[in-house]
Amino acid sequence: MRTAWITGALVVAAGSIVALAVPAAAPAVLLGMLGPLVVATGSLVAMDRAYRQSPERVSRLMLRLFLGKIVAFGAYVALAIAVLTLDPIWFIGSFTVSFVAFHLAEAVHLQRLFSN
């Protein structure tokens, strides 16, 4: 879980620097980071709980989480760009960087869980 906290802190710090450097992009950058941050945190907590109860359940849980993420992220991006009218370049850029960073953190976390 430590890797996830470090990754989260780095992504939030990078997004904050961009938001301070380009104030007009701040809402798009911060909301672009918020979705992946919330979802990754929820995924990590769910995977930890499932692993503690029964390590065999983690794979099935990951599949369900993946399907839920597809739907949630699709709706989130559509809402942010169409309804909130955020700048799509800044939003998608920060969303993509956050998404990749948090999924890498999840992968490292899973590797550590199953290597014990």
PDB file of N, CA and C in Angstrom:
ATOM      1  N   MET A   1       0.832  -1.191   0.000  1.00  0.00           N
ATOM      2  CA  MET A   1       0.000   0.000   0.000  1.00  0.00           C
ATOM      3  C   MET A   1       0.872   1.248   0.000  1.00  0.00           C
ATOM      4  N   ARG A   2       2.091   1.122   0.490  1.00  0.00           N
ATOM      5  CA  ARG A   2       2.991   2.267   0.540  1.00  0.00           C
ATOM      6  C   ARG A   2       3.272   2.814  -0.857  1.00  0.00           C
ATOM      7  N   THR A   3       3.443   1.928  -1.831  1.00  0.00           N
ATOM      8  CA  THR A   3       3.689   2.351  -3.206  1.00  0.00           C
ATOM      9  C   THR A   3       2.532   3.185  -3.728  1.00  0.00           C
ATOM     10  N   ALA A   4       1.323   2.797  -3.393  1.00  0.00           N
ATOM     11  CA  ALA A   4       0.150   3.547  -3.841  1.00  0.00           C
ATOM     12  C   ALA A   4       0.138   4.949  -3.246  1.00  0.00           C
ATOM     13  N   TRP A   5       0.495   5.061  -1.977  1.00  0.00           N
ATOM     14  CA  TRP A   5       0.532   6.384  -1.350  1.00  0.00           C
ATOM     15  C   TRP A   5       1.594   7.267  -1.992  1.00  0.00           C
ATOM     16  N   ILE A   6       2.745   6.701  -2.266  1.00  0.00           N
ATOM     17  CA  ILE A   6       3.819   7.476  -2.896  1.00  0.00           C
ATOM     18  C   ILE A   6       3.399   7.912  -4.296  1.00  0.00           C
ATOM     19  N   THR A   7       2.819   6.991  -5.056  1.00  0.00           N
ATOM     20  CA  THR A   7       2.361   7.325  -6.406  1.00  0.00           C
ATOM     21  C   THR A   7       1.290   8.400  -6.355  1.00  0.00           C
ATOM     22  N   GLY A   8       0.344   8.252  -5.446  1.00  0.00           N
ATOM     23  CA  GLY A   8      -0.708   9.257  -5.305  1.00  0.00           C
ATOM     24  C   GLY A   8      -0.155  10.622  -4.964  1.00  0.00           C
ATOM     25  N   ALA A   9       0.788  10.656  -4.045  1.00  0.00           N
ATOM     26  CA  ALA A   9       1.394  11.934  -3.662  1.00  0.00           C
ATOM     27  C   ALA A   9       2.129  12.568  -4.836  1.00  0.00           C
ATOM     28  N   LEU A  10       2.839  11.766  -5.608  1.00  0.00           N
ATOM     29  CA  LEU A  10       3.562  12.301  -6.761  1.00  0.00           C
ATOM     30  C   LEU A  10       2.619  12.829  -7.836  1.00  0.00           C
ATOM     31  N   VAL A  11       1.551  12.095  -8.116  1.00  0.00           N
ATOM     32  CA  VAL A  11       0.596  12.539  -9.131  1.00  0.00           C
ATOM     33  C   VAL A  11      -0.103  13.816  -8.686  1.00  0.00           C
ATOM     34  N   VAL A  12      -0.515  13.871  -7.439  1.00  0.00           N
ATOM     35  CA  VAL A  12      -1.181  15.075  -6.927  1.00  0.00           C
ATOM     36  C   VAL A  12      -0.219  16.261  -6.919  1.00  0.00           C
ATOM     37  N   ALA A  13       1.027  16.026  -6.543  1.00  0.00           N
ATOM     38  CA  ALA A  13       2.015  17.108  -6.552  1.00  0.00           C
ATOM     39  C   ALA A  13       2.258  17.618  -7.967  1.00  0.00           C
ATOM     40  N   ALA A  14       2.404  16.709  -8.918  1.00  0.00           N
ATOM     41  CA  ALA A  14       2.623  17.124 -10.307  1.00  0.00           C
ATOM     42  C   ALA A  14       1.417  17.891 -10.840  1.00  0.00           C
ATOM     43  N   GLY A  15       0.230  17.411 -10.539  1.00  0.00           N
ATOM     44  CA  GLY A  15      -0.980  18.108 -10.972  1.00  0.00           C
ATOM     45  C   GLY A  15      -1.117  19.471 -10.334  1.00  0.00           C
ATOM     46  N   SER A  16      -0.738  19.581  -9.088  1.00  0.00           N
ATOM     47  CA  SER A  16      -0.799  20.875  -8.398  1.00  0.00           C
ATOM     48  C   SER A  16       0.179  21.867  -9.003  1.00  0.00           C
ATOM     49  N   ILE A  17       1.355  21.392  -9.371  1.00  0.00           N
ATOM     50  CA  ILE A  17       2.339  22.275 -10.003  1.00  0.00           C
ATOM     51  C   ILE A  17       1.807  22.782 -11.336  1.00  0.00           C
ATOM     52  N   VAL A  18       1.226  21.887 -12.128  1.00  0.00           N
ATOM     53  CA  VAL A  18       0.649  22.303 -13.414  1.00  0.00           C
ATOM     54  C   VAL A  18      -0.485  23.291 -13.181  1.00  0.00           C
ATOM     55  N   ALA A  19      -1.334  23.019 -12.202  1.00  0.00           N
ATOM     56  CA  ALA A  19      -2.459  23.909 -11.919  1.00  0.00           C
ATOM     57  C   ALA A  19      -1.989  25.282 -11.461  1.00  0.00           C
ATOM     58  N   LEU A  20      -0.900  25.332 -10.713  1.00  0.00           N
ATOM     59  CA  LEU A  20      -0.358  26.622 -10.285  1.00  0.00           C
ATOM     60  C   LEU A  20       0.312  27.357 -11.441  1.00  0.00           C
ATOM     61  N   ALA A  21       0.967  26.618 -12.316  1.00  0.00           N
ATOM     62  CA  ALA A  21       1.657  27.239 -13.449  1.00  0.00           C
ATOM     63  C   ALA A  21       0.671  27.752 -14.495  1.00  0.00           C
ATOM     64  N   VAL A  22      -0.431  27.048 -14.679  1.00  0.00           N
ATOM     65  CA  VAL A  22      -1.445  27.439 -15.661  1.00  0.00           C
ATOM     66  C   VAL A  22      -2.797  27.454 -14.941  1.00  0.00           C
ATOM     67  N   PRO A  23      -3.107  28.555 -14.236  1.00  0.00           N
ATOM     68  CA  PRO A  23      -4.331  28.583 -13.420  1.00  0.00           C
ATOM     69  C   PRO A  23      -5.620  28.293 -14.196  1.00  0.00           C
ATOM     70  N   ALA A  24      -5.656  28.651 -15.466  1.00  0.00           N
ATOM     71  CA  ALA A  24      -6.866  28.398 -16.252  1.00  0.00           C
ATOM     72  C   ALA A  24      -7.121  26.902 -16.432  1.00  0.00           C
ATOM     73  N   ALA A  25      -6.072  26.113 -16.345  1.00  0.00           N
ATOM     74  CA  ALA A  25      -6.201  24.664 -16.531  1.00  0.00           C
ATOM     75  C   ALA A  25      -6.450  23.923 -15.219  1.00  0.00           C
ATOM     76  N   ALA A  26      -6.427  24.633 -14.103  1.00  0.00           N
ATOM     77  CA  ALA A  26      -6.520  23.980 -12.790  1.00  0.00           C
ATOM     78  C   ALA A  26      -7.737  23.067 -12.633  1.00  0.00           C
ATOM     79  N   PRO A  27      -8.952  23.518 -12.964  1.00  0.00           N
ATOM     80  CA  PRO A  27     -10.098  22.609 -12.775  1.00  0.00           C
ATOM     81  C   PRO A  27      -9.991  21.334 -13.612  1.00  0.00           C
ATOM     82  N   ALA A  28      -9.562  21.475 -14.859  1.00  0.00           N
ATOM     83  CA  ALA A  28      -9.452  20.303 -15.731  1.00  0.00           C
ATOM     84  C   ALA A  28      -8.376  19.350 -15.233  1.00  0.00           C
ATOM     85  N   VAL A  29      -7.244  19.893 -14.809  1.00  0.00           N
ATOM     86  CA  VAL A  29      -6.145  19.048 -14.330  1.00  0.00           C
ATOM     87  C   VAL A  29      -6.545  18.336 -13.039  1.00  0.00           C
ATOM     88  N   LEU A  30      -7.108  19.060 -12.109  1.00  0.00           N
ATOM     89  CA  LEU A  30      -7.464  18.455 -10.820  1.00  0.00           C
ATOM     90  C   LEU A  30      -8.582  17.420 -10.956  1.00  0.00           C
ATOM     91  N   LEU A  31      -9.587  17.715 -11.781  1.00  0.00           N
ATOM     92  CA  LEU A  31     -10.648  16.726 -11.981  1.00  0.00           C
ATOM     93  C   LEU A  31     -10.162  15.541 -12.813  1.00  0.00           C
ATOM     94  N   GLY A  32      -9.189  15.777 -13.684  1.00  0.00           N
ATOM     95  CA  GLY A  32      -8.599  14.677 -14.442  1.00  0.00           C
ATOM     96  C   GLY A  32      -7.864  13.704 -13.546  1.00  0.00           C
ATOM     97  N   MET A  33      -7.291  14.203 -12.466  1.00  0.00           N
ATOM     98  CA  MET A  33      -6.580  13.344 -11.511  1.00  0.00           C
ATOM     99  C   MET A  33      -7.527  12.709 -10.501  1.00  0.00           C
ATOM    100  N   LEU A  34      -8.617  13.385 -10.206  1.00  0.00           N
ATOM    101  CA  LEU A  34      -9.506  12.939  -9.137  1.00  0.00           C
ATOM    102  C   LEU A  34     -10.142  11.570  -9.411  1.00  0.00           C
ATOM    103  N   GLY A  35     -10.649  11.364 -10.615  1.00  0.00           N
ATOM    104  CA  GLY A  35     -11.303  10.093 -10.945  1.00  0.00           C
ATOM    105  C   GLY A  35     -10.388   8.889 -10.755  1.00  0.00           C
ATOM    106  N   PRO A  36      -9.217   8.880 -11.412  1.00  0.00           N
ATOM    107  CA  PRO A  36      -8.309   7.744 -11.223  1.00  0.00           C
ATOM    108  C   PRO A  36      -7.841   7.576  -9.778  1.00  0.00           C
ATOM    109  N   LEU A  37      -7.668   8.684  -9.055  1.00  0.00           N
ATOM    110  CA  LEU A  37      -7.236   8.607  -7.661  1.00  0.00           C
ATOM    111  C   LEU A  37      -8.282   7.897  -6.808  1.00  0.00           C
ATOM    112  N   VAL A  38      -9.527   8.297  -6.949  1.00  0.00           N
ATOM    113  CA  VAL A  38     -10.606   7.703  -6.155  1.00  0.00           C
ATOM    114  C   VAL A  38     -10.790   6.226  -6.506  1.00  0.00           C
ATOM    115  N   VAL A  39     -10.790   5.926  -7.789  1.00  0.00           N
ATOM    116  CA  VAL A  39     -11.009   4.544  -8.222  1.00  0.00           C
ATOM    117  C   VAL A  39      -9.843   3.643  -7.814  1.00  0.00           C
ATOM    118  N   ALA A  40      -8.623   4.126  -7.972  1.00  0.00           N
ATOM    119  CA  ALA A  40      -7.459   3.315  -7.587  1.00  0.00           C
ATOM    120  C   ALA A  40      -7.436   3.067  -6.082  1.00  0.00           C
ATOM    121  N   THR A  41      -7.788   4.075  -5.311  1.00  0.00           N
ATOM    122  CA  THR A  41      -7.835   3.902  -3.860  1.00  0.00           C
ATOM    123  C   THR A  41      -8.869   2.842  -3.481  1.00  0.00           C
ATOM    124  N   GLY A  42     -10.047   2.944  -4.080  1.00  0.00           N
ATOM    125  CA  GLY A  42     -11.082   1.944  -3.818  1.00  0.00           C
ATOM    126  C   GLY A  42     -10.661   0.545  -4.236  1.00  0.00           C
ATOM    127  N   SER A  43      -9.994   0.448  -5.380  1.00  0.00           N
ATOM    128  CA  SER A  43      -9.523  -0.857  -5.862  1.00  0.00           C
ATOM    129  C   SER A  43      -8.492  -1.460  -4.919  1.00  0.00           C
ATOM    130  N   LEU A  44      -7.563  -0.638  -4.468  1.00  0.00           N
ATOM    131  CA  LEU A  44      -6.525  -1.141  -3.566  1.00  0.00           C
ATOM    132  C   LEU A  44      -7.114  -1.629  -2.248  1.00  0.00           C
ATOM    133  N   VAL A  45      -8.050  -0.881  -1.719  1.00  0.00           N
ATOM    134  CA  VAL A  45      -8.694  -1.286  -0.465  1.00  0.00           C
ATOM    135  C   VAL A  45      -9.453  -2.597  -0.671  1.00  0.00           C
ATOM    136  N   ALA A  46     -10.199  -2.693  -1.779  1.00  0.00           N
ATOM    137  CA  ALA A  46     -10.967  -3.915  -2.054  1.00  0.00           C
ATOM    138  C   ALA A  46     -10.046  -5.116  -2.259  1.00  0.00           C
ATOM    139  N   MET A  47      -8.934  -4.919  -2.979  1.00  0.00           N
ATOM    140  CA  MET A  47      -8.000  -6.029  -3.202  1.00  0.00           C
ATOM    141  C   MET A  47      -7.339  -6.475  -1.902  1.00  0.00           C
ATOM    142  N   ASP A  48      -6.983  -5.524  -1.053  1.00  0.00           N
ATOM    143  CA  ASP A  48      -6.389  -5.887   0.239  1.00  0.00           C
ATOM    144  C   ASP A  48      -7.356  -6.702   1.087  1.00  0.00           C
ATOM    145  N   ARG A  49      -8.598  -6.255   1.139  1.00  0.00           N
ATOM    146  CA  ARG A  49      -9.602  -6.980   1.928  1.00  0.00           C
ATOM    147  C   ARG A  49      -9.819  -8.387   1.376  1.00  0.00           C
ATOM    148  N   ALA A  50      -9.940  -8.488   0.061  1.00  0.00           N
ATOM    149  CA  ALA A  50     -10.164  -9.799  -0.556  1.00  0.00           C
ATOM    150  C   ALA A  50      -8.972 -10.716  -0.317  1.00  0.00           C
ATOM    151  N   TYR A  51      -7.773 -10.173  -0.398  1.00  0.00           N
ATOM    152  CA  TYR A  51      -6.577 -10.996  -0.199  1.00  0.00           C
ATOM    153  C   TYR A  51      -6.506 -11.519   1.233  1.00  0.00           C
ATOM    154  N   ARG A  52      -6.847 -10.661   2.196  1.00  0.00           N
ATOM    155  CA  ARG A  52      -6.810 -11.088   3.596  1.00  0.00           C
ATOM    156  C   ARG A  52      -7.839 -12.184   3.869  1.00  0.00           C
ATOM    157  N   GLN A  53      -9.014 -12.089   3.231  1.00  0.00           N
ATOM    158  CA  GLN A  53     -10.058 -13.088   3.449  1.00  0.00           C
ATOM    159  C   GLN A  53      -9.756 -14.390   2.714  1.00  0.00           C
ATOM    160  N   SER A  54      -9.384 -14.266   1.440  1.00  0.00           N
ATOM    161  CA  SER A  54      -9.123 -15.457   0.629  1.00  0.00           C
ATOM    162  C   SER A  54      -8.372 -15.031  -0.635  1.00  0.00           C
ATOM    163  N   PRO A  55      -7.082 -15.307  -0.716  1.00  0.00           N
ATOM    164  CA  PRO A  55      -6.284 -14.875  -1.873  1.00  0.00           C
ATOM    165  C   PRO A  55      -6.834 -15.350  -3.222  1.00  0.00           C
ATOM    166  N   GLU A  56      -7.562 -16.464  -3.226  1.00  0.00           N
ATOM    167  CA  GLU A  56      -8.114 -16.982  -4.476  1.00  0.00           C
ATOM    168  C   GLU A  56      -9.187 -16.065  -5.055  1.00  0.00           C
ATOM    169  N   ARG A  57      -9.793 -15.249  -4.231  1.00  0.00           N
ATOM    170  CA  ARG A  57     -10.874 -14.366  -4.679  1.00  0.00           C
ATOM    171  C   ARG A  57     -10.373 -13.122  -5.400  1.00  0.00           C
ATOM    172  N   VAL A  58      -9.095 -12.834  -5.315  1.00  0.00           N
ATOM    173  CA  VAL A  58      -8.569 -11.581  -5.860  1.00  0.00           C
ATOM    174  C   VAL A  58      -8.733 -11.512  -7.376  1.00  0.00           C
ATOM    175  N   SER A  59      -8.481 -12.596  -8.083  1.00  0.00           N
ATOM    176  CA  SER A  59      -8.600 -12.579  -9.551  1.00  0.00           C
ATOM    177  C   SER A  59     -10.024 -12.278  -9.994  1.00  0.00           C
ATOM    178  N   ARG A  60     -10.989 -12.917  -9.378  1.00  0.00           N
ATOM    179  CA  ARG A  60     -12.392 -12.668  -9.717  1.00  0.00           C
ATOM    180  C   ARG A  60     -12.771 -11.225  -9.390  1.00  0.00           C
ATOM    181  N   LEU A  61     -12.299 -10.737  -8.257  1.00  0.00           N
ATOM    182  CA  LEU A  61     -12.569  -9.356  -7.878  1.00  0.00           C
ATOM    183  C   LEU A  61     -11.952  -8.385  -8.879  1.00  0.00           C
ATOM    184  N   MET A  62     -10.737  -8.663  -9.316  1.00  0.00           N
ATOM    185  CA  MET A  62     -10.069  -7.777 -10.272  1.00  0.00           C
ATOM    186  C   MET A  62     -10.846  -7.691 -11.583  1.00  0.00           C
ATOM    187  N   LEU A  63     -11.423  -8.795 -12.027  1.00  0.00           N
ATOM    188  CA  LEU A  63     -12.228  -8.775 -13.245  1.00  0.00           C
ATOM    189  C   LEU A  63     -13.461  -7.899 -13.064  1.00  0.00           C
ATOM    190  N   ARG A  64     -14.130  -8.048 -11.929  1.00  0.00           N
ATOM    191  CA  ARG A  64     -15.305  -7.215 -11.662  1.00  0.00           C
ATOM    192  C   ARG A  64     -14.923  -5.743 -11.543  1.00  0.00           C
ATOM    193  N   LEU A  65     -13.802  -5.464 -10.887  1.00  0.00           N
ATOM    194  CA  LEU A  65     -13.342  -4.080 -10.773  1.00  0.00           C
ATOM    195  C   LEU A  65     -13.010  -3.499 -12.140  1.00  0.00           C
ATOM    196  N   PHE A  66     -12.390  -4.298 -13.001  1.00  0.00           N
ATOM    197  CA  PHE A  66     -12.043  -3.839 -14.342  1.00  0.00           C
ATOM    198  C   PHE A  66     -13.295  -3.462 -15.133  1.00  0.00           C
ATOM    199  N   LEU A  67     -14.304  -4.312 -15.094  1.00  0.00           N
ATOM    200  CA  LEU A  67     -15.546  -4.015 -15.810  1.00  0.00           C
ATOM    201  C   LEU A  67     -16.218  -2.767 -15.242  1.00  0.00           C
ATOM    202  N   GLY A  68     -16.189  -2.626 -13.932  1.00  0.00           N
ATOM    203  CA  GLY A  68     -16.748  -1.427 -13.308  1.00  0.00           C
ATOM    204  C   GLY A  68     -15.986  -0.171 -13.686  1.00  0.00           C
ATOM    205  N   LYS A  69     -14.664  -0.292 -13.797  1.00  0.00           N
ATOM    206  CA  LYS A  69     -13.841   0.858 -14.178  1.00  0.00           C
ATOM    207  C   LYS A  69     -14.145   1.310 -15.600  1.00  0.00           C
ATOM    208  N   ILE A  70     -14.368   0.361 -16.501  1.00  0.00           N
ATOM    209  CA  ILE A  70     -14.685   0.722 -17.883  1.00  0.00           C
ATOM    210  C   ILE A  70     -15.930   1.597 -17.920  1.00  0.00           C
ATOM    211  N   VAL A  71     -16.960   1.173 -17.240  1.00  0.00           N
ATOM    212  CA  VAL A  71     -18.216   1.924 -17.220  1.00  0.00           C
ATOM    213  C   VAL A  71     -18.037   3.258 -16.495  1.00  0.00           C
ATOM    214  N   ALA A  72     -17.414   3.223 -15.331  1.00  0.00           N
ATOM    215  CA  ALA A  72     -17.259   4.437 -14.527  1.00  0.00           C
ATOM    216  C   ALA A  72     -16.396   5.475 -15.234  1.00  0.00           C
ATOM    217  N   PHE A  73     -15.271   5.057 -15.798  1.00  0.00           N
ATOM    218  CA  PHE A  73     -14.399   6.019 -16.464  1.00  0.00           C
ATOM    219  C   PHE A  73     -15.030   6.562 -17.738  1.00  0.00           C
ATOM    220  N   GLY A  74     -15.758   5.739 -18.467  1.00  0.00           N
ATOM    221  CA  GLY A  74     -16.458   6.235 -19.655  1.00  0.00           C
ATOM    222  C   GLY A  74     -17.458   7.317 -19.293  1.00  0.00           C
ATOM    223  N   ALA A  75     -18.240   7.067 -18.257  1.00  0.00           N
ATOM    224  CA  ALA A  75     -19.217   8.063 -17.810  1.00  0.00           C
ATOM    225  C   ALA A  75     -18.526   9.306 -17.258  1.00  0.00           C
ATOM    226  N   TYR A  76     -17.442   9.109 -16.527  1.00  0.00           N
ATOM    227  CA  TYR A  76     -16.715  10.229 -15.923  1.00  0.00           C
ATOM    228  C   TYR A  76     -16.131  11.159 -16.986  1.00  0.00           C
ATOM    229  N   VAL A  77     -15.501  10.583 -17.997  1.00  0.00           N
ATOM    230  CA  VAL A  77     -14.906  11.398 -19.063  1.00  0.00           C
ATOM    231  C   VAL A  77     -16.000  12.119 -19.844  1.00  0.00           C
ATOM    232  N   ALA A  78     -17.075  11.427 -20.172  1.00  0.00           N
ATOM    233  CA  ALA A  78     -18.176  12.061 -20.898  1.00  0.00           C
ATOM    234  C   ALA A  78     -18.781  13.201 -20.089  1.00  0.00           C
ATOM    235  N   LEU A  79     -18.984  12.981 -18.815  1.00  0.00           N
ATOM    236  CA  LEU A  79     -19.540  14.015 -17.939  1.00  0.00           C
ATOM    237  C   LEU A  79     -18.610  15.218 -17.847  1.00  0.00           C
ATOM    238  N   ALA A  80     -17.335  14.967 -17.661  1.00  0.00           N
ATOM    239  CA  ALA A  80     -16.374  16.060 -17.485  1.00  0.00           C
ATOM    240  C   ALA A  80     -16.250  16.913 -18.737  1.00  0.00           C
ATOM    241  N   ILE A  81     -16.245  16.294 -19.887  1.00  0.00           N
ATOM    242  CA  ILE A  81     -16.033  17.055 -21.119  1.00  0.00           C
ATOM    243  C   ILE A  81     -17.334  17.647 -21.646  1.00  0.00           C
ATOM    244  N   ALA A  82     -18.413  16.877 -21.639  1.00  0.00           N
ATOM    245  CA  ALA A  82     -19.664  17.354 -22.222  1.00  0.00           C
ATOM    246  C   ALA A  82     -20.465  18.249 -21.279  1.00  0.00           C
ATOM    247  N   VAL A  83     -20.586  17.851 -20.037  1.00  0.00           N
ATOM    248  CA  VAL A  83     -21.446  18.593 -19.106  1.00  0.00           C
ATOM    249  C   VAL A  83     -20.679  19.705 -18.395  1.00  0.00           C
ATOM    250  N   LEU A  84     -19.509  19.382 -17.868  1.00  0.00           N
ATOM    251  CA  LEU A  84     -18.731  20.385 -17.136  1.00  0.00           C
ATOM    252  C   LEU A  84     -17.925  21.288 -18.064  1.00  0.00           C
ATOM    253  N   THR A  85     -17.883  20.941 -19.330  1.00  0.00           N
ATOM    254  CA  THR A  85     -17.152  21.693 -20.364  1.00  0.00           C
ATOM    255  C   THR A  85     -15.729  22.058 -19.933  1.00  0.00           C
ATOM    256  N   LEU A  86     -15.014  21.066 -19.440  1.00  0.00           N
ATOM    257  CA  LEU A  86     -13.611  21.268 -19.090  1.00  0.00           C
ATOM    258  C   LEU A  86     -12.779  21.252 -20.366  1.00  0.00           C
ATOM    259  N   ASP A  87     -11.611  21.870 -20.311  1.00  0.00           N
ATOM    260  CA  ASP A  87     -10.699  21.850 -21.448  1.00  0.00           C
ATOM    261  C   ASP A  87     -10.278  20.399 -21.681  1.00  0.00           C
ATOM    262  N   PRO A  88     -10.635  19.828 -22.834  1.00  0.00           N
ATOM    263  CA  PRO A  88     -10.376  18.401 -23.037  1.00  0.00           C
ATOM    264  C   PRO A  88      -8.894  18.032 -23.068  1.00  0.00           C
ATOM    265  N   ILE A  89      -8.041  18.910 -23.550  1.00  0.00           N
ATOM    266  CA  ILE A  89      -6.612  18.587 -23.622  1.00  0.00           C
ATOM    267  C   ILE A  89      -6.032  18.417 -22.220  1.00  0.00           C
ATOM    268  N   TRP A  90      -6.277  19.388 -21.346  1.00  0.00           N
ATOM    269  CA  TRP A  90      -5.752  19.313 -19.982  1.00  0.00           C
ATOM    270  C   TRP A  90      -6.389  18.168 -19.208  1.00  0.00           C
ATOM    271  N   PHE A  91      -7.697  18.005 -19.383  1.00  0.00           N
ATOM    272  CA  PHE A  91      -8.395  16.947 -18.650  1.00  0.00           C
ATOM    273  C   PHE A  91      -7.893  15.569 -19.066  1.00  0.00           C
ATOM    274  N   ILE A  92      -7.876  15.300 -20.363  1.00  0.00           N
ATOM    275  CA  ILE A  92      -7.455  13.982 -20.844  1.00  0.00           C
ATOM    276  C   ILE A  92      -5.982  13.734 -20.533  1.00  0.00           C
ATOM    277  N   GLY A  93      -5.157  14.774 -20.641  1.00  0.00           N
ATOM    278  CA  GLY A  93      -3.738  14.619 -20.308  1.00  0.00           C
ATOM    279  C   GLY A  93      -3.530  14.216 -18.861  1.00  0.00           C
ATOM    280  N   SER A  94      -4.160  14.937 -17.945  1.00  0.00           N
ATOM    281  CA  SER A  94      -3.982  14.610 -16.526  1.00  0.00           C
ATOM    282  C   SER A  94      -4.670  13.293 -16.177  1.00  0.00           C
ATOM    283  N   PHE A  95      -5.802  13.025 -16.808  1.00  0.00           N
ATOM    284  CA  PHE A  95      -6.502  11.759 -16.585  1.00  0.00           C
ATOM    285  C   PHE A  95      -5.626  10.584 -17.013  1.00  0.00           C
ATOM    286  N   THR A  96      -5.024  10.693 -18.190  1.00  0.00           N
ATOM    287  CA  THR A  96      -4.206   9.602 -18.723  1.00  0.00           C
ATOM    288  C   THR A  96      -2.977   9.345 -17.862  1.00  0.00           C
ATOM    289  N   VAL A  97      -2.279  10.413 -17.491  1.00  0.00           N
ATOM    290  CA  VAL A  97      -1.087  10.252 -16.654  1.00  0.00           C
ATOM    291  C   VAL A  97      -1.462   9.634 -15.308  1.00  0.00           C
ATOM    292  N   SER A  98      -2.529  10.125 -14.706  1.00  0.00           N
ATOM    293  CA  SER A  98      -2.973   9.583 -13.417  1.00  0.00           C
ATOM    294  C   SER A  98      -3.412   8.130 -13.552  1.00  0.00           C
ATOM    295  N   PHE A  99      -4.165   7.839 -14.582  1.00  0.00           N
ATOM    296  CA  PHE A  99      -4.660   6.485 -14.822  1.00  0.00           C
ATOM    297  C   PHE A  99      -3.501   5.493 -14.922  1.00  0.00           C
ATOM    298  N   VAL A 100      -2.518   5.828 -15.738  1.00  0.00           N
ATOM    299  CA  VAL A 100      -1.370   4.936 -15.925  1.00  0.00           C
ATOM    300  C   VAL A 100      -0.566   4.805 -14.628  1.00  0.00           C
ATOM    301  N   ALA A 101      -0.317   5.929 -13.958  1.00  0.00           N
ATOM    302  CA  ALA A 101       0.479   5.899 -12.728  1.00  0.00           C
ATOM    303  C   ALA A 101      -0.194   5.056 -11.650  1.00  0.00           C
ATOM    304  N   PHE A 102      -1.495   5.229 -11.479  1.00  0.00           N
ATOM    305  CA  PHE A 102      -2.189   4.476 -10.438  1.00  0.00           C
ATOM    306  C   PHE A 102      -2.312   2.994 -10.785  1.00  0.00           C
ATOM    307  N   HIS A 103      -2.457   2.673 -12.063  1.00  0.00           N
ATOM    308  CA  HIS A 103      -2.513   1.259 -12.426  1.00  0.00           C
ATOM    309  C   HIS A 103      -1.152   0.588 -12.265  1.00  0.00           C
ATOM    310  N   LEU A 104      -0.099   1.316 -12.516  1.00  0.00           N
ATOM    311  CA  LEU A 104       1.235   0.769 -12.238  1.00  0.00           C
ATOM    312  C   LEU A 104       1.409   0.529 -10.741  1.00  0.00           C
ATOM    313  N   ALA A 105       0.919   1.470  -9.938  1.00  0.00           N
ATOM    314  CA  ALA A 105       0.996   1.294  -8.482  1.00  0.00           C
ATOM    315  C   ALA A 105       0.184   0.079  -8.041  1.00  0.00           C
ATOM    316  N   GLU A 106      -0.987  -0.123  -8.649  1.00  0.00           N
ATOM    317  CA  GLU A 106      -1.795  -1.300  -8.325  1.00  0.00           C
ATOM    318  C   GLU A 106      -1.055  -2.584  -8.697  1.00  0.00           C
ATOM    319  N   ALA A 107      -0.396  -2.578  -9.850  1.00  0.00           N
ATOM    320  CA  ALA A 107       0.351  -3.766 -10.285  1.00  0.00           C
ATOM    321  C   ALA A 107       1.493  -4.084  -9.324  1.00  0.00           C
ATOM    322  N   VAL A 108       2.218  -3.058  -8.906  1.00  0.00           N
ATOM    323  CA  VAL A 108       3.315  -3.264  -7.949  1.00  0.00           C
ATOM    324  C   VAL A 108       2.761  -3.774  -6.624  1.00  0.00           C
ATOM    325  N   HIS A 109       1.646  -3.206  -6.212  1.00  0.00           N
ATOM    326  CA  HIS A 109       1.026  -3.632  -4.953  1.00  0.00           C
ATOM    327  C   HIS A 109       0.599  -5.101  -5.029  1.00  0.00           C
ATOM    328  N   LEU A 110      -0.013  -5.502  -6.132  1.00  0.00           N
ATOM    329  CA  LEU A 110      -0.414  -6.903  -6.287  1.00  0.00           C
ATOM    330  C   LEU A 110       0.791  -7.832  -6.302  1.00  0.00           C
ATOM    331  N   GLN A 111       1.853  -7.396  -6.955  1.00  0.00           N
ATOM    332  CA  GLN A 111       3.068  -8.207  -6.985  1.00  0.00           C
ATOM    333  C   GLN A 111       3.596  -8.423  -5.567  1.00  0.00           C
ATOM    334  N   ARG A 112       3.579  -7.372  -4.776  1.00  0.00           N
ATOM    335  CA  ARG A 112       4.044  -7.496  -3.386  1.00  0.00           C
ATOM    336  C   ARG A 112       3.119  -8.384  -2.560  1.00  0.00           C
ATOM    337  N   LEU A 113       1.810  -8.266  -2.800  1.00  0.00           N
ATOM    338  CA  LEU A 113       0.870  -9.107  -2.059  1.00  0.00           C
ATOM    339  C   LEU A 113       1.139 -10.585  -2.309  1.00  0.00           C
ATOM    340  N   PHE A 114       1.281 -10.942  -3.573  1.00  0.00           N
ATOM    341  CA  PHE A 114       1.397 -12.356  -3.923  1.00  0.00           C
ATOM    342  C   PHE A 114       2.812 -12.900  -3.812  1.00  0.00           C
ATOM    343  N   SER A 115       3.789 -12.048  -3.576  1.00  0.00           N
ATOM    344  CA  SER A 115       5.157 -12.548  -3.425  1.00  0.00           C
ATOM    345  C   SER A 115       5.458 -12.962  -1.988  1.00  0.00           C
ATOM    346  N   ASN A 116       4.555 -12.642  -1.075  1.00  0.00           N
ATOM    347  CA  ASN A 116       4.764 -13.018   0.335  1.00  0.00           C
ATOM    348  C   ASN A 116       4.485 -14.470   0.576  1.00  0.00           C
TER     349      ASN A 116
END
